[in-house]
Amino acid sequence: MTPGEIEQGFQSIKDLRLIGRDIKKTIIIDNLKENFESTCPNNGIEIESWYGDDLEDTALRDLIPFLKAIVENEEKDVRKVIKKYNGDYSRYVKEIGSRLKTPGARKKPVVTRQLSLVSNVSNTSSVKAQYRKELD
């Protein structure tokens, strides 16, 4: 169990408040909504389960435009964005994309932010490498 996990019955609850990061800038992507729903529901994005042999799975890759848009728009509180768009993340990307392209809009931040993928998958390093390429 990691520092941000609490065992509750047969369920492992992931409480982002326990990991020492700014909760307004932290997102959890998990295949079980129950893992974050009771402690930090507006920080969580539920994603389809992934099994190591499914090479056609693109669920994480599909989130990259949304995650990049959050960074490029320098969102102060990701919880508000997740709550407002409630799974319709492509709408956020379209809205933010048009704002970022207009004259006088915010420019892409000079400081790059690292997206950390935390997973209990056995081949985490290869997953991280694959998605790090996508983010570049």
N, C-alpha and C. Protein backbone atom coordinates (compact mmCIF):
# COMPACT_ATOMS: atom_id res chain seq x y z
N MET A 1 0.84 -1.17 0.00
CA MET A 1 0.00 0.00 0.00
C MET A 1 0.90 1.24 0.00
N THR A 2 0.55 2.23 -0.81
CA THR A 2 1.32 3.47 -0.90
C THR A 2 0.86 4.47 0.15
N PRO A 3 1.63 5.54 0.39
CA PRO A 3 1.25 6.51 1.41
C PRO A 3 -0.12 7.14 1.20
N GLY A 4 -0.60 7.22 -0.03
CA GLY A 4 -1.88 7.84 -0.29
C GLY A 4 -3.06 6.88 -0.29
N GLU A 5 -2.82 5.63 0.11
CA GLU A 5 -3.89 4.64 0.10
C GLU A 5 -4.33 4.29 1.51
N ILE A 6 -5.62 4.09 1.66
CA ILE A 6 -6.20 3.68 2.93
C ILE A 6 -7.03 2.44 2.64
N GLU A 7 -6.81 1.39 3.39
CA GLU A 7 -7.61 0.19 3.17
C GLU A 7 -8.91 0.32 3.94
N GLN A 8 -10.00 0.11 3.23
CA GLN A 8 -11.32 0.23 3.83
C GLN A 8 -12.11 -1.01 3.44
N GLY A 9 -12.15 -1.96 4.35
CA GLY A 9 -12.79 -3.23 4.03
C GLY A 9 -11.97 -3.95 2.97
N PHE A 10 -12.62 -4.31 1.87
CA PHE A 10 -11.93 -4.98 0.77
C PHE A 10 -11.49 -3.98 -0.29
N GLN A 11 -11.65 -2.71 -0.02
CA GLN A 11 -11.41 -1.67 -1.00
C GLN A 11 -10.21 -0.82 -0.58
N SER A 12 -9.41 -0.43 -1.54
CA SER A 12 -8.28 0.45 -1.29
C SER A 12 -8.68 1.86 -1.73
N ILE A 13 -8.76 2.78 -0.79
CA ILE A 13 -9.15 4.16 -1.07
C ILE A 13 -7.89 4.98 -1.28
N LYS A 14 -7.84 5.72 -2.37
CA LYS A 14 -6.68 6.56 -2.67
C LYS A 14 -7.02 7.99 -2.29
N ASP A 15 -6.39 8.47 -1.24
CA ASP A 15 -6.66 9.80 -0.72
C ASP A 15 -5.50 10.72 -1.09
N LEU A 16 -5.71 11.56 -2.09
CA LEU A 16 -4.66 12.45 -2.58
C LEU A 16 -4.20 13.46 -1.54
N ARG A 17 -5.03 13.71 -0.55
CA ARG A 17 -4.66 14.67 0.49
C ARG A 17 -3.48 14.17 1.32
N LEU A 18 -3.20 12.87 1.26
CA LEU A 18 -2.14 12.29 2.08
C LEU A 18 -0.77 12.26 1.41
N ILE A 19 -0.68 12.64 0.14
CA ILE A 19 0.61 12.50 -0.56
C ILE A 19 1.46 13.77 -0.56
N GLY A 20 0.96 14.83 0.04
CA GLY A 20 1.77 16.03 0.21
C GLY A 20 1.90 16.91 -1.02
N ARG A 21 0.98 16.81 -1.96
CA ARG A 21 1.00 17.67 -3.15
C ARG A 21 -0.18 18.62 -3.09
N ASP A 22 -0.08 19.70 -3.84
CA ASP A 22 -1.17 20.67 -3.90
C ASP A 22 -2.38 19.99 -4.54
N ILE A 23 -3.44 19.82 -3.78
CA ILE A 23 -4.63 19.10 -4.22
C ILE A 23 -5.31 19.81 -5.39
N LYS A 24 -5.11 21.12 -5.51
CA LYS A 24 -5.70 21.88 -6.61
C LYS A 24 -5.01 21.60 -7.93
N LYS A 25 -3.84 20.99 -7.88
CA LYS A 25 -3.07 20.73 -9.10
C LYS A 25 -2.80 19.24 -9.29
N THR A 26 -3.59 18.40 -8.65
CA THR A 26 -3.36 16.96 -8.68
C THR A 26 -4.57 16.24 -9.26
N ILE A 27 -4.29 15.33 -10.20
CA ILE A 27 -5.34 14.53 -10.83
C ILE A 27 -4.99 13.06 -10.63
N ILE A 28 -6.01 12.28 -10.31
CA ILE A 28 -5.84 10.83 -10.25
C ILE A 28 -6.64 10.23 -11.40
N ILE A 29 -5.99 9.34 -12.13
CA ILE A 29 -6.64 8.62 -13.22
C ILE A 29 -6.70 7.17 -12.78
N ASP A 30 -7.90 6.63 -12.63
CA ASP A 30 -8.05 5.30 -12.05
C ASP A 30 -9.20 4.58 -12.74
N ASN A 31 -9.09 3.27 -12.79
CA ASN A 31 -10.16 2.48 -13.41
C ASN A 31 -11.31 2.18 -12.44
N LEU A 32 -11.13 2.52 -11.18
CA LEU A 32 -12.20 2.31 -10.20
C LEU A 32 -12.54 3.64 -9.52
N LYS A 33 -13.69 4.18 -9.86
CA LYS A 33 -14.12 5.45 -9.30
C LYS A 33 -14.18 5.39 -7.77
N GLU A 34 -14.51 4.20 -7.25
CA GLU A 34 -14.61 4.02 -5.80
C GLU A 34 -13.29 4.32 -5.10
N ASN A 35 -12.18 4.21 -5.80
CA ASN A 35 -10.87 4.45 -5.19
C ASN A 35 -10.64 5.91 -4.81
N PHE A 36 -11.35 6.83 -5.46
CA PHE A 36 -11.14 8.24 -5.15
C PHE A 36 -12.43 9.00 -4.87
N GLU A 37 -13.56 8.40 -5.13
CA GLU A 37 -14.85 9.08 -5.03
C GLU A 37 -15.16 9.63 -3.63
N SER A 38 -14.82 8.90 -2.60
CA SER A 38 -15.18 9.34 -1.25
C SER A 38 -14.21 10.35 -0.66
N THR A 39 -13.01 10.47 -1.21
CA THR A 39 -12.03 11.39 -0.62
C THR A 39 -11.73 12.60 -1.49
N CYS A 40 -11.70 12.43 -2.80
CA CYS A 40 -11.34 13.54 -3.70
C CYS A 40 -12.04 13.36 -5.06
N PRO A 41 -13.37 13.39 -5.07
CA PRO A 41 -14.11 13.09 -6.30
C PRO A 41 -13.83 14.03 -7.46
N ASN A 42 -13.53 15.28 -7.18
CA ASN A 42 -13.29 16.22 -8.27
C ASN A 42 -11.85 16.26 -8.74
N ASN A 43 -11.02 15.40 -8.17
CA ASN A 43 -9.65 15.24 -8.66
C ASN A 43 -9.53 14.01 -9.54
N GLY A 44 -10.58 13.22 -9.63
CA GLY A 44 -10.48 11.93 -10.29
C GLY A 44 -11.08 11.86 -11.67
N ILE A 45 -10.41 11.10 -12.51
CA ILE A 45 -10.90 10.77 -13.84
C ILE A 45 -10.99 9.25 -13.89
N GLU A 46 -12.19 8.77 -14.11
CA GLU A 46 -12.36 7.32 -14.23
C GLU A 46 -12.01 6.91 -15.66
N ILE A 47 -11.29 5.82 -15.77
CA ILE A 47 -10.82 5.34 -17.07
C ILE A 47 -11.13 3.85 -17.16
N GLU A 48 -11.26 3.36 -18.37
CA GLU A 48 -11.53 1.93 -18.55
C GLU A 48 -10.36 1.10 -18.04
N SER A 49 -10.66 -0.09 -17.56
CA SER A 49 -9.60 -1.00 -17.10
C SER A 49 -8.71 -1.39 -18.27
N TRP A 50 -7.44 -1.57 -17.97
CA TRP A 50 -6.48 -1.98 -18.99
C TRP A 50 -5.88 -3.31 -18.58
N TYR A 51 -5.77 -4.19 -19.53
CA TYR A 51 -5.15 -5.49 -19.29
C TYR A 51 -3.93 -5.58 -20.19
N GLY A 52 -2.83 -6.07 -19.64
CA GLY A 52 -1.54 -6.07 -20.31
C GLY A 52 -1.50 -6.59 -21.73
N ASP A 53 -2.46 -7.39 -22.13
CA ASP A 53 -2.42 -7.94 -23.48
C ASP A 53 -3.26 -7.13 -24.48
N ASP A 54 -3.91 -6.06 -24.04
CA ASP A 54 -4.75 -5.26 -24.93
C ASP A 54 -3.92 -4.13 -25.54
N LEU A 55 -3.30 -4.41 -26.68
CA LEU A 55 -2.44 -3.43 -27.33
C LEU A 55 -3.23 -2.37 -28.09
N GLU A 56 -4.52 -2.56 -28.21
CA GLU A 56 -5.38 -1.59 -28.91
C GLU A 56 -5.94 -0.53 -27.96
N ASP A 57 -5.67 -0.64 -26.67
CA ASP A 57 -6.20 0.30 -25.69
C ASP A 57 -5.57 1.67 -25.88
N THR A 58 -6.39 2.70 -25.95
CA THR A 58 -5.89 4.07 -26.11
C THR A 58 -6.44 5.03 -25.06
N ALA A 59 -7.03 4.50 -24.01
CA ALA A 59 -7.71 5.35 -23.03
C ALA A 59 -6.79 6.41 -22.43
N LEU A 60 -5.59 6.05 -22.02
CA LEU A 60 -4.66 7.04 -21.47
C LEU A 60 -4.21 8.03 -22.55
N ARG A 61 -3.90 7.52 -23.70
CA ARG A 61 -3.46 8.38 -24.80
C ARG A 61 -4.56 9.39 -25.16
N ASP A 62 -5.81 8.97 -25.08
CA ASP A 62 -6.92 9.87 -25.41
C ASP A 62 -7.04 11.03 -24.43
N LEU A 63 -6.50 10.88 -23.24
CA LEU A 63 -6.54 11.95 -22.23
C LEU A 63 -5.43 12.99 -22.41
N ILE A 64 -4.44 12.68 -23.21
CA ILE A 64 -3.29 13.58 -23.35
C ILE A 64 -3.69 15.00 -23.79
N PRO A 65 -4.54 15.17 -24.79
CA PRO A 65 -4.91 16.55 -25.16
C PRO A 65 -5.54 17.32 -24.00
N PHE A 66 -6.36 16.65 -23.22
CA PHE A 66 -7.00 17.29 -22.06
C PHE A 66 -5.95 17.69 -21.03
N LEU A 67 -5.04 16.79 -20.70
CA LEU A 67 -4.02 17.07 -19.70
C LEU A 67 -3.08 18.19 -20.17
N LYS A 68 -2.74 18.17 -21.45
CA LYS A 68 -1.88 19.23 -21.99
C LYS A 68 -2.60 20.58 -21.96
N ALA A 69 -3.90 20.57 -22.27
CA ALA A 69 -4.67 21.82 -22.26
C ALA A 69 -4.74 22.41 -20.85
N ILE A 70 -4.85 21.56 -19.85
CA ILE A 70 -4.85 22.04 -18.46
C ILE A 70 -3.54 22.76 -18.15
N VAL A 71 -2.44 22.17 -18.58
CA VAL A 71 -1.12 22.77 -18.33
C VAL A 71 -0.98 24.07 -19.12
N GLU A 72 -1.32 24.02 -20.40
CA GLU A 72 -1.16 25.21 -21.25
C GLU A 72 -2.05 26.36 -20.78
N ASN A 73 -3.20 26.07 -20.22
CA ASN A 73 -4.10 27.10 -19.73
C ASN A 73 -3.76 27.52 -18.30
N GLU A 74 -2.76 26.88 -17.73
CA GLU A 74 -2.30 27.19 -16.37
C GLU A 74 -3.46 27.24 -15.38
N GLU A 75 -4.28 26.18 -15.41
CA GLU A 75 -5.44 26.11 -14.52
C GLU A 75 -4.99 26.22 -13.07
N LYS A 76 -5.70 27.04 -12.32
CA LYS A 76 -5.38 27.23 -10.90
C LYS A 76 -5.92 26.09 -10.04
N ASP A 77 -7.03 25.48 -10.50
CA ASP A 77 -7.66 24.41 -9.72
C ASP A 77 -8.27 23.39 -10.68
N VAL A 78 -7.60 22.25 -10.82
CA VAL A 78 -8.07 21.22 -11.76
C VAL A 78 -9.41 20.63 -11.36
N ARG A 79 -9.73 20.72 -10.07
CA ARG A 79 -11.00 20.17 -9.59
C ARG A 79 -12.19 20.86 -10.24
N LYS A 80 -12.09 22.15 -10.44
CA LYS A 80 -13.18 22.90 -11.08
C LYS A 80 -13.37 22.45 -12.53
N VAL A 81 -12.28 22.20 -13.22
CA VAL A 81 -12.34 21.77 -14.62
C VAL A 81 -12.95 20.38 -14.71
N ILE A 82 -12.47 19.47 -13.88
CA ILE A 82 -12.97 18.09 -13.91
C ILE A 82 -14.46 18.07 -13.58
N LYS A 83 -14.87 18.85 -12.59
CA LYS A 83 -16.28 18.89 -12.21
C LYS A 83 -17.14 19.50 -13.32
N LYS A 84 -16.69 20.61 -13.89
CA LYS A 84 -17.47 21.31 -14.91
C LYS A 84 -17.65 20.47 -16.17
N TYR A 85 -16.60 19.81 -16.63
CA TYR A 85 -16.66 19.08 -17.91
C TYR A 85 -17.09 17.63 -17.72
N ASN A 86 -17.06 17.13 -16.52
CA ASN A 86 -17.65 15.84 -16.16
C ASN A 86 -17.52 14.75 -17.23
N GLY A 87 -16.33 14.51 -17.66
CA GLY A 87 -16.08 13.44 -18.63
C GLY A 87 -16.07 13.90 -20.08
N ASP A 88 -16.56 15.10 -20.37
CA ASP A 88 -16.56 15.62 -21.73
C ASP A 88 -15.31 16.47 -21.94
N TYR A 89 -14.17 15.82 -21.83
CA TYR A 89 -12.90 16.52 -21.83
C TYR A 89 -12.53 17.08 -23.20
N SER A 90 -13.06 16.51 -24.26
CA SER A 90 -12.77 17.04 -25.60
C SER A 90 -13.41 18.42 -25.76
N ARG A 91 -14.53 18.68 -25.09
CA ARG A 91 -15.16 20.00 -25.14
C ARG A 91 -14.24 21.04 -24.49
N TYR A 92 -13.62 20.67 -23.37
CA TYR A 92 -12.67 21.57 -22.72
C TYR A 92 -11.51 21.88 -23.66
N VAL A 93 -10.98 20.85 -24.30
CA VAL A 93 -9.84 21.03 -25.21
C VAL A 93 -10.22 21.99 -26.33
N LYS A 94 -11.41 21.82 -26.90
CA LYS A 94 -11.86 22.71 -27.99
C LYS A 94 -12.01 24.15 -27.49
N GLU A 95 -12.63 24.33 -26.34
CA GLU A 95 -12.84 25.67 -25.81
C GLU A 95 -11.51 26.34 -25.47
N ILE A 96 -10.64 25.63 -24.82
CA ILE A 96 -9.35 26.20 -24.42
C ILE A 96 -8.48 26.41 -25.65
N GLY A 97 -8.52 25.48 -26.58
CA GLY A 97 -7.72 25.61 -27.81
C GLY A 97 -8.06 26.87 -28.56
N SER A 98 -9.32 27.20 -28.68
CA SER A 98 -9.70 28.41 -29.40
C SER A 98 -9.26 29.65 -28.63
N ARG A 99 -9.30 29.61 -27.30
CA ARG A 99 -8.84 30.75 -26.50
C ARG A 99 -7.34 30.94 -26.61
N LEU A 100 -6.60 29.83 -26.64
CA LEU A 100 -5.15 29.93 -26.69
C LEU A 100 -4.65 30.42 -28.04
N LYS A 101 -5.44 30.24 -29.09
CA LYS A 101 -5.03 30.63 -30.44
C LYS A 101 -5.38 32.08 -30.76
N THR A 102 -6.21 32.72 -29.94
CA THR A 102 -6.60 34.09 -30.23
C THR A 102 -5.50 35.04 -29.80
N PRO A 103 -5.36 36.17 -30.52
CA PRO A 103 -4.34 37.16 -30.15
C PRO A 103 -4.53 37.63 -28.72
N GLY A 104 -3.42 37.76 -28.00
CA GLY A 104 -3.47 38.22 -26.63
C GLY A 104 -3.77 37.13 -25.62
N ALA A 105 -4.01 35.91 -26.11
CA ALA A 105 -4.29 34.81 -25.19
C ALA A 105 -3.00 34.37 -24.52
N ARG A 106 -3.14 33.58 -23.48
CA ARG A 106 -1.96 33.09 -22.77
C ARG A 106 -1.06 32.30 -23.70
N LYS A 107 0.21 32.47 -23.49
CA LYS A 107 1.17 31.69 -24.26
C LYS A 107 1.47 30.41 -23.51
N LYS A 108 2.01 29.44 -24.23
CA LYS A 108 2.38 28.18 -23.62
C LYS A 108 3.42 28.45 -22.53
N PRO A 109 3.25 27.86 -21.36
CA PRO A 109 4.21 28.12 -20.28
C PRO A 109 5.62 27.70 -20.66
N VAL A 110 6.57 28.51 -20.23
CA VAL A 110 7.97 28.19 -20.50
C VAL A 110 8.40 26.99 -19.67
N VAL A 111 7.92 26.95 -18.44
CA VAL A 111 8.27 25.85 -17.55
C VAL A 111 7.42 24.64 -17.93
N THR A 112 8.07 23.54 -18.18
CA THR A 112 7.32 22.33 -18.51
C THR A 112 7.00 21.60 -17.23
N ARG A 113 5.86 20.98 -17.21
CA ARG A 113 5.45 20.23 -16.03
C ARG A 113 5.43 18.76 -16.39
N GLN A 114 5.86 17.95 -15.49
CA GLN A 114 5.95 16.51 -15.73
C GLN A 114 4.65 15.85 -15.31
N LEU A 115 4.16 14.98 -16.16
CA LEU A 115 2.99 14.17 -15.84
C LEU A 115 3.50 12.84 -15.33
N SER A 116 3.17 12.52 -14.11
CA SER A 116 3.59 11.25 -13.54
C SER A 116 2.44 10.27 -13.63
N LEU A 117 2.69 9.14 -14.22
CA LEU A 117 1.70 8.09 -14.29
C LEU A 117 2.02 7.09 -13.19
N VAL A 118 1.11 6.95 -12.27
CA VAL A 118 1.30 6.01 -11.18
C VAL A 118 0.40 4.83 -11.44
N SER A 119 0.97 3.66 -11.42
CA SER A 119 0.20 2.49 -11.79
C SER A 119 0.69 1.28 -11.01
N ASN A 120 -0.19 0.32 -10.85
CA ASN A 120 0.23 -0.93 -10.23
C ASN A 120 0.45 -2.01 -11.29
N VAL A 121 0.58 -1.58 -12.54
CA VAL A 121 0.84 -2.50 -13.64
C VAL A 121 2.30 -2.93 -13.56
N SER A 122 2.58 -4.18 -13.86
CA SER A 122 3.94 -4.70 -13.71
C SER A 122 4.93 -4.04 -14.67
N ASN A 123 4.48 -3.59 -15.83
CA ASN A 123 5.41 -2.98 -16.77
C ASN A 123 5.23 -1.46 -16.80
N THR A 124 5.18 -0.85 -15.63
CA THR A 124 4.95 0.58 -15.51
C THR A 124 5.97 1.39 -16.30
N SER A 125 7.23 0.99 -16.29
CA SER A 125 8.25 1.79 -16.96
C SER A 125 8.00 1.86 -18.46
N SER A 126 7.53 0.79 -19.08
CA SER A 126 7.27 0.84 -20.52
C SER A 126 6.04 1.69 -20.81
N VAL A 127 5.05 1.66 -19.92
CA VAL A 127 3.86 2.50 -20.09
C VAL A 127 4.26 3.96 -19.97
N LYS A 128 5.07 4.30 -18.96
CA LYS A 128 5.53 5.67 -18.79
C LYS A 128 6.30 6.13 -20.01
N ALA A 129 7.18 5.29 -20.53
CA ALA A 129 7.98 5.67 -21.70
C ALA A 129 7.09 5.93 -22.90
N GLN A 130 6.10 5.08 -23.12
CA GLN A 130 5.19 5.24 -24.25
C GLN A 130 4.45 6.57 -24.17
N TYR A 131 3.90 6.91 -23.01
CA TYR A 131 3.12 8.11 -22.88
C TYR A 131 3.99 9.36 -22.74
N ARG A 132 5.22 9.22 -22.27
CA ARG A 132 6.13 10.37 -22.23
C ARG A 132 6.41 10.81 -23.66
N LYS A 133 6.57 9.85 -24.60
CA LYS A 133 6.77 10.20 -26.01
C LYS A 133 5.57 10.96 -26.54
N GLU A 134 4.36 10.52 -26.15
CA GLU A 134 3.14 11.17 -26.62
C GLU A 134 3.06 12.61 -26.12
N LEU A 135 3.57 12.87 -24.92
CA LEU A 135 3.48 14.20 -24.35
C LEU A 135 4.46 15.17 -24.99
N ASP A 136 5.55 14.67 -25.54
CA ASP A 136 6.57 15.55 -26.14
C ASP A 136 6.11 16.18 -27.42
